[in-house]
N, C-alpha and C. Protein backbone atom coordinates (compact mmCIF):
# COMPACT_ATOMS: atom_id res chain seq x y z
N MET A 1 38.67 9.70 14.49
CA MET A 1 38.40 11.14 14.25
C MET A 1 37.68 11.42 13.27
N ARG A 2 37.70 10.62 12.24
CA ARG A 2 36.80 11.04 10.75
C ARG A 2 35.01 10.67 11.49
N ARG A 3 35.17 9.74 12.18
CA ARG A 3 33.77 9.17 12.22
C ARG A 3 32.79 10.42 13.06
N ILE A 4 33.98 10.84 14.09
CA ILE A 4 33.25 11.83 15.09
C ILE A 4 32.84 13.20 14.32
N GLN A 5 33.94 13.47 13.38
CA GLN A 5 33.95 14.50 12.53
C GLN A 5 32.31 14.51 11.68
N ILE A 6 32.00 13.57 11.16
CA ILE A 6 30.98 13.14 10.25
C ILE A 6 30.03 13.36 11.05
N GLY A 7 29.81 12.41 12.39
CA GLY A 7 28.72 12.59 13.19
C GLY A 7 28.28 14.34 13.72
N PHE A 8 29.24 15.13 13.83
CA PHE A 8 29.01 16.17 14.44
C PHE A 8 28.44 16.88 12.95
N PHE A 9 28.91 16.60 11.94
CA PHE A 9 28.46 17.24 10.60
C PHE A 9 26.85 16.89 10.42
N THR A 10 26.47 15.57 10.81
CA THR A 10 25.46 15.12 10.62
C THR A 10 24.30 15.74 11.80
N PHE A 11 24.78 15.83 12.80
CA PHE A 11 24.04 16.61 14.08
C PHE A 11 23.83 18.10 13.47
N LEU A 12 25.12 18.80 12.99
CA LEU A 12 24.37 20.17 12.48
C LEU A 12 23.53 20.32 11.46
N LEU A 13 23.56 19.13 10.68
CA LEU A 13 22.78 19.18 9.27
C LEU A 13 21.21 18.92 9.74
N SER A 14 21.13 17.95 11.04
CA SER A 14 19.96 17.63 11.11
C SER A 14 19.15 18.92 11.60
N ILE A 15 19.80 19.72 12.47
CA ILE A 15 19.26 21.21 13.00
C ILE A 15 18.79 21.85 11.81
N ILE A 16 19.61 22.07 10.48
CA ILE A 16 19.28 22.93 9.23
C ILE A 16 18.12 22.25 8.92
N SER A 17 17.96 20.88 8.67
CA SER A 17 17.10 20.47 8.04
C SER A 17 15.79 20.65 8.55
N PHE A 18 15.84 20.43 10.00
CA PHE A 18 14.67 20.84 10.92
C PHE A 18 13.94 22.34 10.34
N TYR A 19 15.12 23.18 10.24
CA TYR A 19 14.43 24.58 10.07
C TYR A 19 13.93 24.81 8.66
N SER A 20 14.58 23.92 7.66
CA SER A 20 14.32 24.13 6.33
C SER A 20 13.09 23.39 6.28
N SER A 21 12.44 22.15 6.85
CA SER A 21 11.16 21.53 6.56
C SER A 21 10.37 22.60 7.27
N ALA A 22 10.23 23.12 8.36
CA ALA A 22 9.69 24.17 9.14
C ALA A 22 9.15 25.29 8.11
N GLN A 23 10.36 25.38 7.26
CA GLN A 23 9.95 26.91 6.40
C GLN A 23 8.99 26.32 5.33
N LYS A 24 9.44 25.03 4.59
CA LYS A 24 8.90 24.77 3.38
C LYS A 24 7.19 24.25 3.66
N ASP A 25 6.85 24.02 4.87
CA ASP A 25 5.72 23.41 5.34
C ASP A 25 4.79 24.41 5.10
N SER A 26 3.54 24.29 4.26
CA SER A 26 2.33 25.49 4.33
C SER A 26 1.68 25.62 5.69
N THR A 27 1.68 25.07 6.68
CA THR A 27 1.22 24.98 7.85
C THR A 27 1.90 25.76 8.78
N PRO A 28 1.66 27.02 9.30
CA PRO A 28 2.29 27.74 10.32
C PRO A 28 2.87 27.16 11.28
N VAL A 29 4.36 27.05 11.58
CA VAL A 29 4.80 26.34 12.37
C VAL A 29 5.84 27.33 13.33
N SER A 30 5.99 27.22 14.76
CA SER A 30 6.37 28.00 15.54
C SER A 30 7.77 27.18 15.82
N VAL A 31 8.79 28.00 15.60
CA VAL A 31 10.17 27.57 15.59
C VAL A 31 11.04 28.79 16.99
N ASN A 32 11.41 28.03 17.58
CA ASN A 32 12.26 28.97 18.24
C ASN A 32 13.76 29.54 18.23
N PRO A 33 13.68 30.62 17.85
CA PRO A 33 14.88 31.51 17.22
C PRO A 33 15.86 30.94 17.83
N ALA A 34 16.15 31.06 19.14
CA ALA A 34 17.10 30.49 19.84
C ALA A 34 17.89 29.13 19.33
N LEU A 35 17.07 28.26 19.05
CA LEU A 35 17.63 27.04 18.94
C LEU A 35 18.33 27.13 17.62
N MET A 36 17.58 27.96 16.62
CA MET A 36 18.49 27.99 15.52
C MET A 36 19.73 28.93 15.57
N GLU A 37 19.39 29.21 16.76
CA GLU A 37 21.38 30.34 17.05
C GLU A 37 22.19 29.80 17.60
N ILE A 38 21.82 28.35 18.41
CA ILE A 38 23.04 27.76 18.79
C ILE A 38 24.08 27.68 18.57
N PHE A 39 24.26 27.00 17.23
CA PHE A 39 25.47 26.98 16.64
C PHE A 39 26.02 28.19 15.99
N ASN A 40 25.53 29.31 15.92
CA ASN A 40 25.70 30.55 15.51
C ASN A 40 26.66 31.59 16.25
N SER A 41 26.59 31.18 17.49
CA SER A 41 27.15 32.09 18.67
C SER A 41 28.51 31.94 18.48
N ARG A 42 29.02 33.41 18.82
CA ARG A 42 30.59 33.30 18.75
C ARG A 42 31.12 32.77 20.13
N TYR A 43 30.30 32.79 20.91
CA TYR A 43 30.97 32.14 22.20
C TYR A 43 30.36 30.71 22.71
N PRO A 44 31.22 29.89 22.92
CA PRO A 44 30.23 28.50 23.92
C PRO A 44 29.19 28.96 24.86
N LYS A 45 28.41 28.05 24.77
CA LYS A 45 27.49 28.34 26.17
C LYS A 45 27.19 26.91 26.72
N THR A 46 26.95 26.84 27.49
CA THR A 46 26.99 25.74 28.60
C THR A 46 25.30 25.31 28.64
N TYR A 47 25.05 24.04 28.14
CA TYR A 47 23.61 23.56 28.12
C TYR A 47 23.53 22.30 28.92
N THR A 48 22.14 22.13 29.38
CA THR A 48 21.75 20.92 30.34
C THR A 48 20.83 20.13 29.36
N ILE A 49 21.51 18.70 29.15
CA ILE A 49 20.35 17.92 28.55
C ILE A 49 19.28 17.59 29.46
N ALA A 50 18.14 17.87 28.88
CA ALA A 50 16.86 17.51 30.17
C ALA A 50 16.08 16.41 29.48
N GLY A 51 16.43 15.94 28.21
CA GLY A 51 15.50 14.83 28.04
C GLY A 51 16.03 14.15 26.72
N ILE A 52 15.91 12.73 26.53
CA ILE A 52 16.42 12.19 25.44
C ILE A 52 15.51 11.16 24.94
N ASN A 53 15.25 11.08 23.81
CA ASN A 53 13.83 10.64 23.02
C ASN A 53 15.02 10.02 21.99
N VAL A 54 14.53 8.49 21.77
CA VAL A 54 14.76 7.72 21.01
C VAL A 54 13.84 7.36 19.93
N LYS A 55 14.27 7.30 18.67
CA LYS A 55 13.44 7.15 17.62
C LYS A 55 13.93 6.01 16.53
N GLY A 56 13.13 5.17 16.04
CA GLY A 56 13.49 4.00 15.32
C GLY A 56 13.62 2.55 15.86
N THR A 57 13.70 2.62 17.10
CA THR A 57 13.82 1.32 17.71
C THR A 57 12.25 0.28 17.44
N GLN A 58 13.07 -0.82 17.18
CA GLN A 58 12.09 -2.19 17.00
C GLN A 58 12.16 -3.44 17.94
N SER A 59 13.56 -3.59 17.59
CA SER A 59 14.12 -4.69 18.46
C SER A 59 15.01 -4.42 19.49
N PHE A 60 15.46 -3.18 19.97
CA PHE A 60 16.19 -2.68 20.66
C PHE A 60 15.47 -2.08 21.68
N ASP A 61 16.04 -2.11 23.16
CA ASP A 61 15.53 -1.11 24.20
C ASP A 61 15.91 0.43 23.98
N PRO A 62 15.05 1.22 24.02
CA PRO A 62 15.41 2.75 23.92
C PRO A 62 16.48 2.91 25.05
N GLY A 63 16.54 2.47 25.95
CA GLY A 63 17.15 2.58 27.24
C GLY A 63 18.79 2.14 26.71
N LEU A 64 18.93 0.76 26.19
CA LEU A 64 20.12 0.21 25.37
C LEU A 64 20.66 1.27 24.70
N ILE A 65 19.85 1.62 24.00
CA ILE A 65 20.79 2.98 22.69
C ILE A 65 21.34 4.07 23.61
N ILE A 66 20.20 4.58 24.53
CA ILE A 66 20.83 5.58 25.18
C ILE A 66 22.23 5.34 26.14
N SER A 67 22.06 4.29 26.59
CA SER A 67 23.16 3.74 27.36
C SER A 67 24.53 3.95 26.63
N ILE A 68 24.31 3.17 25.49
CA ILE A 68 25.68 3.03 24.59
C ILE A 68 26.04 4.31 23.95
N SER A 69 25.16 5.25 23.71
CA SER A 69 25.85 6.53 23.13
C SER A 69 26.46 7.50 24.16
N GLY A 70 26.00 7.14 25.54
CA GLY A 70 27.05 7.62 26.57
C GLY A 70 26.05 9.15 26.95
N LEU A 71 25.27 9.24 26.52
CA LEU A 71 24.53 10.47 26.72
C LEU A 71 23.59 10.25 28.03
N ALA A 72 23.27 11.38 28.77
CA ALA A 72 22.45 10.70 29.96
C ALA A 72 21.81 12.39 30.33
N VAL A 73 20.93 12.21 30.84
CA VAL A 73 19.80 13.46 31.28
C VAL A 73 20.45 14.10 32.34
N GLY A 74 20.98 15.25 32.40
CA GLY A 74 21.68 16.06 33.43
C GLY A 74 23.11 16.35 32.83
N ASP A 75 23.42 15.62 31.86
CA ASP A 75 24.77 15.97 30.95
C ASP A 75 24.84 17.40 30.98
N LYS A 76 26.08 18.03 31.10
CA LYS A 76 26.33 19.44 30.64
C LYS A 76 27.14 19.48 29.52
N VAL A 77 26.85 20.09 28.33
CA VAL A 77 27.63 20.51 27.19
C VAL A 77 27.49 21.80 26.80
N GLN A 78 28.75 22.17 25.95
CA GLN A 78 29.29 23.47 25.79
C GLN A 78 28.68 23.17 23.94
N ILE A 79 28.08 24.20 23.41
CA ILE A 79 27.76 24.16 21.80
C ILE A 79 27.87 25.77 21.81
N PRO A 80 28.53 26.20 20.69
CA PRO A 80 29.44 25.30 19.92
C PRO A 80 30.64 24.88 20.73
N GLY A 81 31.44 23.79 20.30
CA GLY A 81 32.72 23.06 20.57
C GLY A 81 32.43 21.96 21.08
N SER A 82 31.39 21.48 21.73
CA SER A 82 31.48 20.00 22.56
C SER A 82 31.51 18.77 21.18
N ASP A 83 32.06 18.06 21.68
CA ASP A 83 32.04 16.59 20.56
C ASP A 83 31.21 15.75 21.49
N ALA A 84 30.16 15.88 22.38
CA ALA A 84 29.48 14.68 23.12
C ALA A 84 29.01 14.06 22.07
N PHE A 85 28.17 14.74 21.30
CA PHE A 85 27.02 14.00 20.13
C PHE A 85 28.21 13.22 19.16
N GLY A 86 28.99 13.67 18.67
CA GLY A 86 29.89 12.86 17.90
C GLY A 86 30.40 11.69 18.33
N LYS A 87 30.59 11.98 19.48
CA LYS A 87 31.07 10.78 20.30
C LYS A 87 30.23 9.68 20.31
N ALA A 88 28.98 10.15 20.48
CA ALA A 88 27.59 9.57 21.02
C ALA A 88 27.36 8.34 19.71
N ILE A 89 27.80 9.15 18.31
CA ILE A 89 27.36 8.67 17.41
C ILE A 89 28.35 7.60 17.12
N ASN A 90 29.74 8.06 17.19
CA ASN A 90 30.86 7.21 17.03
C ASN A 90 30.67 5.77 18.14
N LYS A 91 30.13 5.77 18.78
CA LYS A 91 29.83 4.88 20.11
C LYS A 91 28.83 3.74 19.57
N LEU A 92 27.64 4.25 18.93
CA LEU A 92 26.66 3.54 18.39
C LEU A 92 26.97 2.55 17.10
N TRP A 93 27.86 3.57 16.32
CA TRP A 93 28.73 2.75 15.12
C TRP A 93 29.35 1.74 15.62
N LYS A 94 30.06 1.81 16.65
CA LYS A 94 31.13 0.62 17.30
C LYS A 94 30.52 -0.35 17.56
N GLN A 95 29.23 -0.46 17.86
CA GLN A 95 28.67 -1.80 18.54
C GLN A 95 28.00 -2.35 17.11
N ASN A 96 27.87 -1.64 15.86
CA ASN A 96 27.15 -2.57 14.63
C ASN A 96 25.89 -2.77 15.07
N LEU A 97 25.47 -2.11 15.81
CA LEU A 97 23.62 -2.30 16.13
C LEU A 97 22.94 -1.67 15.26
N VAL A 98 23.36 -0.40 14.47
CA VAL A 98 22.54 0.45 13.61
C VAL A 98 23.15 0.45 12.37
N SER A 99 22.38 0.83 11.21
CA SER A 99 23.03 1.06 10.10
C SER A 99 23.01 2.59 9.83
N LYS A 100 22.27 3.30 10.52
CA LYS A 100 22.15 5.09 10.37
C LYS A 100 21.85 5.52 11.68
N VAL A 101 22.24 6.65 12.20
CA VAL A 101 22.34 6.88 13.56
C VAL A 101 22.28 8.80 13.20
N ASP A 102 21.47 9.40 14.03
CA ASP A 102 21.26 10.90 13.81
C ASP A 102 20.97 11.58 15.02
N ILE A 103 21.35 12.49 15.56
CA ILE A 103 21.28 13.15 16.48
C ILE A 103 20.95 14.52 16.68
N SER A 104 19.80 15.18 17.18
CA SER A 104 19.39 16.44 16.70
C SER A 104 19.00 17.12 17.98
N ILE A 105 18.83 18.34 18.26
CA ILE A 105 17.95 18.84 19.48
C ILE A 105 16.86 19.06 18.98
N SER A 106 15.65 18.77 19.82
CA SER A 106 14.23 19.18 19.26
C SER A 106 13.63 20.04 19.69
N ARG A 107 14.33 20.54 20.97
CA ARG A 107 13.47 21.64 22.09
C ARG A 107 14.60 22.26 22.74
N LEU A 108 14.28 23.61 23.17
CA LEU A 108 15.35 24.35 23.77
C LEU A 108 14.25 25.37 24.81
N GLU A 109 14.59 25.00 25.83
CA GLU A 109 14.30 25.89 27.34
C GLU A 109 14.89 26.28 27.92
N GLU A 110 15.36 27.60 27.59
CA GLU A 110 16.22 28.21 28.30
C GLU A 110 17.48 27.55 28.26
N THR A 111 18.35 27.12 29.16
CA THR A 111 19.76 26.37 29.16
C THR A 111 19.18 25.35 28.95
N ASN A 112 17.90 24.45 28.55
CA ASN A 112 17.62 23.20 28.75
C ASN A 112 17.73 22.63 27.36
N ILE A 113 18.17 21.78 26.81
CA ILE A 113 17.99 21.13 25.34
C ILE A 113 17.81 19.57 25.87
N TYR A 114 16.54 19.38 24.93
CA TYR A 114 16.02 17.89 24.66
C TYR A 114 16.22 17.43 23.23
N VAL A 115 17.17 16.28 23.40
CA VAL A 115 17.91 15.68 22.22
C VAL A 115 17.13 14.37 21.53
N ASP A 116 16.83 14.29 20.38
CA ASP A 116 16.39 12.94 19.69
C ASP A 116 17.50 12.15 19.14
N ILE A 117 17.45 10.73 19.56
CA ILE A 117 18.83 9.97 18.63
C ILE A 117 17.61 9.15 17.87
N ASP A 118 17.99 9.60 16.54
CA ASP A 118 16.88 8.82 15.25
C ASP A 118 18.12 7.49 14.70
N ILE A 119 17.62 6.26 14.94
CA ILE A 119 18.47 5.01 14.22
C ILE A 119 17.56 3.94 13.52
N THR A 120 18.36 3.75 12.65
CA THR A 120 17.84 2.58 11.72
C THR A 120 18.68 1.46 12.28
N GLU A 121 17.71 0.51 12.70
CA GLU A 121 18.52 -0.76 13.15
C GLU A 121 19.23 -1.69 11.91
N ARG A 122 20.15 -2.23 12.17
CA ARG A 122 20.75 -3.55 11.38
C ARG A 122 20.14 -4.83 11.48
N ALA A 123 19.88 -5.37 10.35
CA ALA A 123 18.85 -6.42 10.07
C ALA A 123 19.58 -7.74 11.32
N ARG A 124 18.26 -8.41 11.75
CA ARG A 124 19.20 -9.56 12.78
C ARG A 124 18.74 -10.81 11.68
N LEU A 125 19.97 -11.68 11.88
CA LEU A 125 20.04 -13.07 11.16
C LEU A 125 18.98 -13.91 12.02
N ILE A 126 17.75 -14.37 11.35
CA ILE A 126 17.13 -15.45 12.07
C ILE A 126 17.36 -16.82 11.49
N ASP A 127 17.84 -17.07 10.32
CA ASP A 127 18.09 -18.19 9.86
C ASP A 127 19.23 -18.20 8.36
N PHE A 128 19.62 -19.14 8.13
CA PHE A 128 20.57 -19.34 7.07
C PHE A 128 20.44 -20.67 6.60
N LYS A 129 20.77 -20.98 4.85
CA LYS A 129 20.92 -22.51 4.58
C LYS A 129 21.67 -22.02 3.41
N PHE A 130 21.86 -23.35 3.13
CA PHE A 130 22.80 -23.59 2.02
C PHE A 130 21.83 -24.45 0.97
N ILE A 131 22.23 -24.01 -0.50
CA ILE A 131 21.35 -24.96 -1.66
C ILE A 131 22.49 -25.24 -2.70
N GLY A 132 22.16 -26.31 -2.89
CA GLY A 132 23.48 -27.35 -4.20
C GLY A 132 24.51 -28.04 -3.96
N ILE A 133 24.66 -28.37 -2.68
CA ILE A 133 25.96 -29.09 -1.80
C ILE A 133 24.78 -29.92 -0.85
N LYS A 134 26.15 -31.02 -0.73
CA LYS A 134 25.62 -32.26 0.18
C LYS A 134 25.60 -31.97 1.29
N LYS A 135 24.66 -32.84 2.09
CA LYS A 135 24.52 -32.24 3.44
C LYS A 135 25.70 -32.30 4.01
N GLY A 136 26.93 -33.28 4.35
CA GLY A 136 28.12 -33.23 4.99
C GLY A 136 28.78 -32.30 4.54
N GLU A 137 28.64 -31.35 3.83
CA GLU A 137 29.29 -30.17 3.27
C GLU A 137 28.42 -28.93 4.08
N LYS A 138 27.30 -29.00 4.16
CA LYS A 138 26.43 -28.22 4.61
C LYS A 138 26.74 -28.27 6.45
N ASP A 139 27.01 -29.04 6.89
CA ASP A 139 27.34 -29.25 8.18
C ASP A 139 28.56 -28.68 8.43
N ASP A 140 29.47 -28.85 7.60
CA ASP A 140 31.03 -28.46 7.98
C ASP A 140 30.89 -26.83 7.54
N LEU A 141 30.17 -26.49 6.88
CA LEU A 141 30.23 -24.61 6.40
C LEU A 141 29.40 -24.07 7.55
N GLU A 142 28.52 -24.56 7.99
CA GLU A 142 28.05 -23.99 9.37
C GLU A 142 28.80 -23.68 10.59
N THR A 143 29.96 -24.64 10.68
CA THR A 143 30.78 -23.93 11.78
C THR A 143 31.90 -22.96 11.21
N LYS A 144 31.89 -22.77 9.74
CA LYS A 144 33.30 -22.06 9.38
C LYS A 144 32.92 -20.67 8.95
N ILE A 145 31.65 -20.37 8.49
CA ILE A 145 31.17 -19.23 7.87
C ILE A 145 31.12 -17.98 9.09
N GLY A 146 31.12 -18.18 10.17
CA GLY A 146 31.17 -17.36 11.17
C GLY A 146 29.77 -16.82 11.34
N LEU A 147 28.91 -17.33 11.08
CA LEU A 147 27.38 -16.57 11.25
C LEU A 147 26.63 -16.94 12.19
N THR A 148 25.80 -16.24 13.19
CA THR A 148 25.15 -16.96 14.27
C THR A 148 23.89 -16.47 14.19
N LYS A 149 22.86 -17.27 14.20
CA LYS A 149 21.33 -16.67 14.24
C LYS A 149 20.99 -16.08 15.48
N ASP A 150 20.00 -15.15 15.15
CA ASP A 150 19.42 -14.10 16.15
C ASP A 150 20.57 -13.21 16.51
N ARG A 151 21.50 -13.01 15.74
CA ARG A 151 22.44 -11.69 15.84
C ARG A 151 22.46 -10.85 14.91
N VAL A 152 22.61 -9.55 15.26
CA VAL A 152 22.93 -8.33 14.27
C VAL A 152 23.70 -8.70 12.88
N LEU A 153 23.26 -8.47 11.78
CA LEU A 153 23.96 -8.85 10.60
C LEU A 153 24.30 -7.61 9.99
N SER A 154 25.73 -7.59 9.79
CA SER A 154 26.27 -6.29 8.97
C SER A 154 26.76 -6.94 7.42
N GLU A 155 26.85 -6.06 7.00
CA GLU A 155 27.66 -6.28 5.52
C GLU A 155 28.75 -7.05 5.46
N ASN A 156 29.80 -6.69 6.51
CA ASN A 156 31.05 -7.70 6.55
C ASN A 156 30.80 -8.97 7.12
N MET A 157 29.67 -9.28 7.54
CA MET A 157 29.44 -10.41 7.96
C MET A 157 29.27 -11.30 6.81
N LYS A 158 28.54 -11.00 6.03
CA LYS A 158 28.08 -11.68 4.79
C LYS A 158 29.29 -11.75 3.65
N LEU A 159 29.80 -10.57 3.60
CA LEU A 159 31.36 -10.90 2.74
C LEU A 159 32.16 -12.01 3.43
N SER A 160 32.48 -11.76 4.89
CA SER A 160 33.13 -12.92 5.47
C SER A 160 32.72 -14.00 5.36
N ALA A 161 31.44 -14.47 5.28
CA ALA A 161 30.84 -16.03 4.97
C ALA A 161 31.23 -16.16 3.54
N VAL A 162 31.00 -15.69 2.76
CA VAL A 162 30.96 -15.58 1.22
C VAL A 162 32.47 -15.95 1.18
N GLU A 163 33.79 -15.25 1.38
CA GLU A 163 35.41 -15.90 1.49
C GLU A 163 35.27 -17.40 2.07
N ALA A 164 34.74 -17.65 3.29
CA ALA A 164 34.72 -18.83 3.96
C ALA A 164 34.44 -19.79 3.20
N ILE A 165 33.25 -19.60 2.50
CA ILE A 165 32.89 -20.88 1.91
C ILE A 165 33.75 -21.01 0.35
N LYS A 166 34.21 -19.61 -0.10
CA LYS A 166 35.47 -19.89 -1.22
C LYS A 166 36.26 -20.91 -0.81
N LYS A 167 36.94 -20.43 0.77
CA LYS A 167 38.19 -20.96 0.65
C LYS A 167 38.09 -22.50 0.84
N PHE A 168 37.07 -22.79 1.71
CA PHE A 168 36.48 -23.86 2.03
C PHE A 168 36.75 -25.01 1.15
N TYR A 169 35.91 -24.59 -0.34
CA TYR A 169 36.08 -25.17 -1.54
C TYR A 169 37.52 -25.34 -2.32
N PHE A 170 37.90 -24.14 -2.24
CA PHE A 170 39.48 -23.91 -2.60
C PHE A 170 40.36 -25.35 -2.25
N GLU A 171 40.38 -25.33 -0.81
CA GLU A 171 41.08 -26.35 -0.33
C GLU A 171 40.88 -27.53 -0.78
N LYS A 172 39.64 -27.92 -1.30
CA LYS A 172 39.33 -29.34 -1.76
C LYS A 172 39.21 -29.51 -3.03
N GLY A 173 40.13 -28.33 -3.77
CA GLY A 173 40.41 -28.54 -5.25
C GLY A 173 39.23 -27.70 -6.28
N TYR A 174 38.52 -26.93 -5.59
CA TYR A 174 37.29 -26.52 -6.30
C TYR A 174 38.06 -24.97 -6.71
N ARG A 175 38.22 -24.78 -8.03
CA ARG A 175 38.91 -23.45 -8.12
C ARG A 175 37.56 -22.38 -8.48
N ASN A 176 36.48 -22.93 -8.96
CA ASN A 176 35.82 -22.08 -9.96
C ASN A 176 34.55 -22.31 -8.96
N VAL A 177 34.17 -21.85 -7.76
CA VAL A 177 33.14 -21.85 -6.92
C VAL A 177 32.16 -20.55 -7.52
N SER A 178 30.97 -20.87 -7.80
CA SER A 178 29.79 -19.62 -7.92
C SER A 178 29.16 -20.08 -6.67
N ILE A 179 28.98 -18.64 -6.17
CA ILE A 179 28.33 -18.34 -4.89
C ILE A 179 27.10 -17.04 -5.02
N LYS A 180 25.98 -17.42 -4.91
CA LYS A 180 24.71 -16.43 -4.82
C LYS A 180 24.42 -16.34 -3.74
N LEU A 181 24.38 -14.98 -3.23
CA LEU A 181 23.60 -14.89 -1.76
C LEU A 181 22.54 -14.17 -2.03
N GLU A 182 21.29 -14.85 -1.07
CA GLU A 182 19.88 -14.19 -1.46
C GLU A 182 19.36 -13.83 0.20
N GLU A 183 19.10 -12.73 0.51
CA GLU A 183 18.51 -12.32 1.42
C GLU A 183 16.78 -12.04 1.50
N LYS A 184 16.35 -12.49 2.38
CA LYS A 184 14.75 -12.11 2.50
C LYS A 184 14.42 -11.79 4.09
N GLU A 185 13.42 -11.06 3.79
CA GLU A 185 12.94 -10.36 5.10
C GLU A 185 12.11 -12.01 6.02
N VAL A 186 12.16 -11.65 7.11
CA VAL A 186 11.29 -12.66 7.87
C VAL A 186 10.15 -11.88 8.53
N PRO A 187 8.92 -11.64 7.78
CA PRO A 187 7.91 -10.91 8.43
C PRO A 187 7.37 -10.96 9.56
N GLU A 188 7.57 -12.17 10.36
CA GLU A 188 7.37 -12.38 11.72
C GLU A 188 8.13 -11.74 12.74
N VAL A 189 9.54 -11.27 12.42
CA VAL A 189 10.25 -10.85 13.36
C VAL A 189 10.71 -9.42 13.06
N ALA A 190 10.74 -8.61 13.56
CA ALA A 190 11.32 -6.94 13.45
C ALA A 190 12.66 -6.94 12.95
N HIS A 191 12.87 -6.58 12.03
CA HIS A 191 14.03 -6.33 10.79
C HIS A 191 14.72 -7.82 10.93
N GLY A 192 13.94 -8.59 11.26
CA GLY A 192 14.63 -10.32 11.14
C GLY A 192 14.57 -10.56 9.15
N VAL A 193 15.87 -11.07 8.86
CA VAL A 193 16.19 -11.65 7.89
C VAL A 193 16.97 -12.96 7.67
N SER A 194 16.43 -13.91 6.54
CA SER A 194 17.00 -14.95 6.43
C SER A 194 18.07 -15.04 5.31
N ILE A 195 19.12 -15.70 5.19
CA ILE A 195 19.95 -15.84 4.05
C ILE A 195 20.10 -17.05 3.35
N THR A 196 19.98 -17.26 2.12
CA THR A 196 20.24 -18.51 1.21
C THR A 196 21.56 -18.54 0.38
N PHE A 197 22.47 -19.31 0.49
CA PHE A 197 23.59 -19.53 -0.15
C PHE A 197 23.18 -20.54 -1.46
N TYR A 198 23.27 -19.81 -2.63
CA TYR A 198 23.49 -21.08 -3.76
C TYR A 198 24.35 -21.19 -3.97
N ILE A 199 25.18 -22.47 -4.34
CA ILE A 199 26.42 -22.78 -4.14
C ILE A 199 26.78 -23.60 -5.47
N LYS A 200 27.52 -23.18 -6.53
CA LYS A 200 27.74 -24.10 -7.71
C LYS A 200 29.19 -24.46 -7.67
N LYS A 201 29.63 -25.84 -7.11
CA LYS A 201 31.31 -25.82 -7.09
C LYS A 201 31.87 -25.94 -8.26
N GLY A 202 31.19 -26.49 -9.33
CA GLY A 202 32.20 -26.71 -10.69
C GLY A 202 33.01 -27.73 -10.38
N ASN A 203 33.58 -27.81 -11.61
CA ASN A 203 34.45 -29.35 -11.60
C ASN A 203 35.68 -29.13 -10.84
N LYS A 204 36.12 -29.96 -10.45
CA LYS A 204 37.40 -30.20 -9.24
C LYS A 204 38.56 -30.31 -10.29
N VAL A 205 39.36 -29.26 -9.81
CA VAL A 205 41.10 -29.28 -10.85
C VAL A 205 41.73 -30.15 -10.10
N LYS A 206 42.66 -30.90 -10.90
CA LYS A 206 43.56 -31.85 -10.86
C LYS A 206 44.64 -31.84 -11.71
N ILE A 207 45.77 -31.69 -11.04
CA ILE A 207 47.05 -31.97 -11.84
C ILE A 207 47.25 -33.21 -12.32
N ASN A 208 47.26 -33.07 -13.59
CA ASN A 208 47.72 -34.38 -14.50
C ASN A 208 49.08 -34.72 -14.27
N SER A 209 50.11 -33.29 -14.64
CA SER A 209 51.44 -33.56 -15.10
C SER A 209 51.94 -32.05 -14.74
N ILE A 210 53.23 -32.38 -14.32
CA ILE A 210 54.17 -31.24 -14.14
C ILE A 210 55.06 -31.40 -15.24
N ASN A 211 55.37 -30.31 -16.11
CA ASN A 211 56.23 -30.10 -17.14
C ASN A 211 57.54 -28.87 -16.72
N PHE A 212 58.77 -29.15 -16.93
CA PHE A 212 59.76 -28.14 -16.86
C PHE A 212 60.34 -27.96 -17.95
N SER A 213 60.83 -26.59 -18.21
CA SER A 213 61.35 -26.28 -19.69
C SER A 213 62.80 -25.17 -19.15
N GLY A 214 63.71 -25.52 -20.14
CA GLY A 214 65.07 -24.83 -19.54
C GLY A 214 65.96 -25.35 -18.78
N ASN A 215 65.58 -26.57 -17.78
CA ASN A 215 66.23 -27.00 -17.07
C ASN A 215 67.37 -27.59 -17.55
N GLU A 216 68.75 -27.70 -17.20
CA GLU A 216 69.62 -28.33 -17.92
C GLU A 216 70.86 -28.98 -16.83
N ILE A 217 70.84 -28.38 -15.50
CA ILE A 217 71.12 -28.72 -14.64
C ILE A 217 70.70 -29.79 -13.48
N VAL A 218 69.68 -29.50 -12.83
CA VAL A 218 68.92 -30.12 -12.02
C VAL A 218 68.30 -31.07 -12.49
N ASP A 219 68.11 -32.64 -12.30
CA ASP A 219 67.44 -33.23 -12.59
C ASP A 219 65.69 -33.50 -12.39
N ASP A 220 64.80 -33.25 -13.53
CA ASP A 220 63.47 -33.20 -13.29
C ASP A 220 63.05 -34.16 -12.26
């Protein structure tokens, strides 16, 4: 529910920012007053989505973004009052394909509205490698950290990978593992990145002895 509310607020802000930027620009700009009054109306009015434009795509098909959003040309929406745009933002977030998404109305023609979906794509993982450990350990970790090449990469995936490495060495007796994650862009691929894990295992912890104190009943 919170994401939908945030999405609607972002949507409303995009309308306001559009108006503000038009006001600040020294070049005369023609702004449709009806577009600015859409959300100020006391009574909901039904509009038809006459066009959808996707901005910011580099590796994703714009048609895919529109399909995921659930919006379609010909849809009827009531403004104010509709949560269609908030739901669209929520659906795009759930797919973990984008790191930012804004939806705004770019044009109004009578009861027809034209919608812009502006996104920032998440990075795609092109390659990952490990530095500072043996080849056998590298082979084992590749199957344990949950990363897949040529897939969208999220912050949670990176954190999970680091935790998986720590767990792997903890079970082998290394309690002071140091892990540094370095992320670099891959220029040849749009939004492509590679990750390098620099691992320092430290010394293996061994239990030399176990001592009991205050025990008077049970034999050590």
